[in-house]
């Protein structure tokens, strides 16, 4: 099975962090990017990994998060345009973190 993306849209930053924690602890997935809308009242998390792991992670977060997600989905073998959009989103938040000196983790290349 190939790579895939899992999406969860949830109301609030704290519930989003809870959902992300659940997803990362449930299966071998990693955060690809995230977006905040409406001042953080609506947060979209995108995780990536193997199809089975992403499905398991999204299902676990939908069942166990402190708030029920507004929506969720899994895209197996995403189209190159979807990959481009996710990378574009990731580059925006990583640049902000590097500029603020708050990025902790792997080396960021642009």
Protein backbone atom coordinates (compact mmCIF):
# COMPACT_ATOMS: atom_id res chain seq x y z
CA UNK A 1 0.00 0.00 0.00
CA UNK A 2 1.16 3.52 -0.78
CA UNK A 3 1.24 6.80 1.05
CA UNK A 4 -1.92 8.65 1.98
CA UNK A 5 -3.27 11.73 3.73
CA UNK A 6 -5.76 11.80 6.56
CA UNK A 7 -7.76 14.97 7.26
CA UNK A 8 -9.61 16.01 10.37
CA UNK A 9 -11.41 19.32 10.72
CA UNK A 10 -12.32 20.11 14.30
CA UNK A 11 -13.60 23.06 16.27
CA UNK A 12 -10.90 24.58 18.51
CA UNK A 13 -7.14 24.44 18.92
CA UNK A 14 -7.18 22.34 22.11
CA UNK A 15 -9.45 19.65 20.62
CA UNK A 16 -7.22 19.69 17.52
CA UNK A 17 -4.11 19.05 19.61
CA UNK A 18 -5.94 16.26 21.42
CA UNK A 19 -6.98 14.69 18.09
CA UNK A 20 -3.42 14.97 16.75
CA UNK A 21 -2.04 13.33 19.87
CA UNK A 22 -4.51 10.47 19.50
CA UNK A 23 -3.66 10.01 15.83
CA UNK A 24 0.11 9.98 16.39
CA UNK A 25 -0.15 7.58 19.34
CA UNK A 26 -2.57 5.24 17.56
CA UNK A 27 -0.65 4.61 14.34
CA UNK A 28 2.57 5.39 12.49
CA UNK A 29 1.54 8.77 11.08
CA UNK A 30 3.07 12.21 11.21
CA UNK A 31 1.70 15.71 10.94
CA UNK A 32 1.97 16.92 7.35
CA UNK A 33 0.39 20.35 7.91
CA UNK A 34 -2.37 22.18 9.71
CA UNK A 35 -4.52 25.24 9.08
CA UNK A 36 -6.39 27.51 11.47
CA UNK A 37 -9.46 29.40 10.31
CA UNK A 38 -11.76 31.81 12.08
CA UNK A 39 -9.12 32.70 14.69
CA UNK A 40 -8.49 29.07 15.58
CA UNK A 41 -12.15 28.19 16.00
CA UNK A 42 -11.80 25.74 13.11
CA UNK A 43 -8.61 23.70 12.73
CA UNK A 44 -7.74 21.30 9.93
CA UNK A 45 -5.08 18.68 10.65
CA UNK A 46 -3.44 16.68 7.88
CA UNK A 47 -1.45 13.56 8.76
CA UNK A 48 0.46 11.34 6.39
CA UNK A 49 1.57 7.73 6.34
CA UNK A 50 0.65 4.36 4.92
CA UNK A 51 -3.01 3.93 4.03
CA UNK A 52 -3.89 1.48 6.81
CA UNK A 53 -2.14 3.58 9.46
CA UNK A 54 -3.82 6.79 8.32
CA UNK A 55 -7.26 5.15 8.32
CA UNK A 56 -6.67 3.77 11.81
CA UNK A 57 -5.44 7.14 13.10
CA UNK A 58 -8.37 9.13 11.68
CA UNK A 59 -10.93 6.63 12.97
CA UNK A 60 -9.38 6.69 16.45
CA UNK A 61 -9.39 10.49 16.59
CA UNK A 62 -13.01 10.62 15.41
CA UNK A 63 -14.02 8.21 18.20
CA UNK A 64 -11.85 9.44 21.08
CA UNK A 65 -11.18 13.18 20.65
CA UNK A 66 -12.60 15.54 23.27
CA UNK A 67 -14.81 17.02 20.54
CA UNK A 68 -16.36 15.29 17.58
CA UNK A 69 -14.66 16.43 14.34
CA UNK A 70 -16.70 18.56 11.97
CA UNK A 71 -15.44 16.38 9.12
CA UNK A 72 -12.75 13.85 8.30
CA UNK A 73 -11.43 11.90 5.37
CA UNK A 74 -8.63 9.78 3.99
CA UNK A 75 -7.08 10.10 0.56
CA UNK A 76 -5.10 7.04 -0.50
CA UNK A 77 -2.56 7.63 -3.27
CA UNK A 78 -3.32 11.37 -3.53
CA UNK A 79 -3.21 13.15 -6.87
CA UNK A 80 -0.04 15.25 -7.38
CA UNK A 81 -2.12 18.43 -7.10
CA UNK A 82 -3.28 17.42 -3.60
CA UNK A 83 0.34 16.69 -2.64
CA UNK A 84 1.32 20.15 -3.95
CA UNK A 85 -1.40 21.86 -1.88
CA UNK A 86 -0.40 20.02 1.30
CA UNK A 87 3.27 20.90 0.75
CA UNK A 88 2.37 24.54 0.10
CA UNK A 89 0.43 24.67 3.37
CA UNK A 90 3.29 22.98 5.23
CA UNK A 91 5.85 25.41 3.82
CA UNK A 92 3.84 28.37 5.13
CA UNK A 93 3.66 27.19 8.72
CA UNK A 94 7.25 25.92 8.77
CA UNK A 95 8.59 29.25 7.46
CA UNK A 96 6.68 31.06 10.23
CA UNK A 97 8.12 28.73 12.87
CA UNK A 98 11.67 29.12 11.57
CA UNK A 99 11.29 32.91 11.40
CA UNK A 100 10.03 32.98 14.99
CA UNK A 101 12.76 30.59 16.14
CA UNK A 102 10.20 28.16 17.50
CA UNK A 103 10.63 25.21 15.15
CA UNK A 104 11.87 22.13 16.95
CA UNK A 105 12.52 18.99 14.97
CA UNK A 106 14.05 18.00 11.68
CA UNK A 107 16.00 20.38 9.53
CA UNK A 108 13.73 22.46 7.33
CA UNK A 109 14.66 22.86 3.68
CA UNK A 110 12.90 25.17 1.25
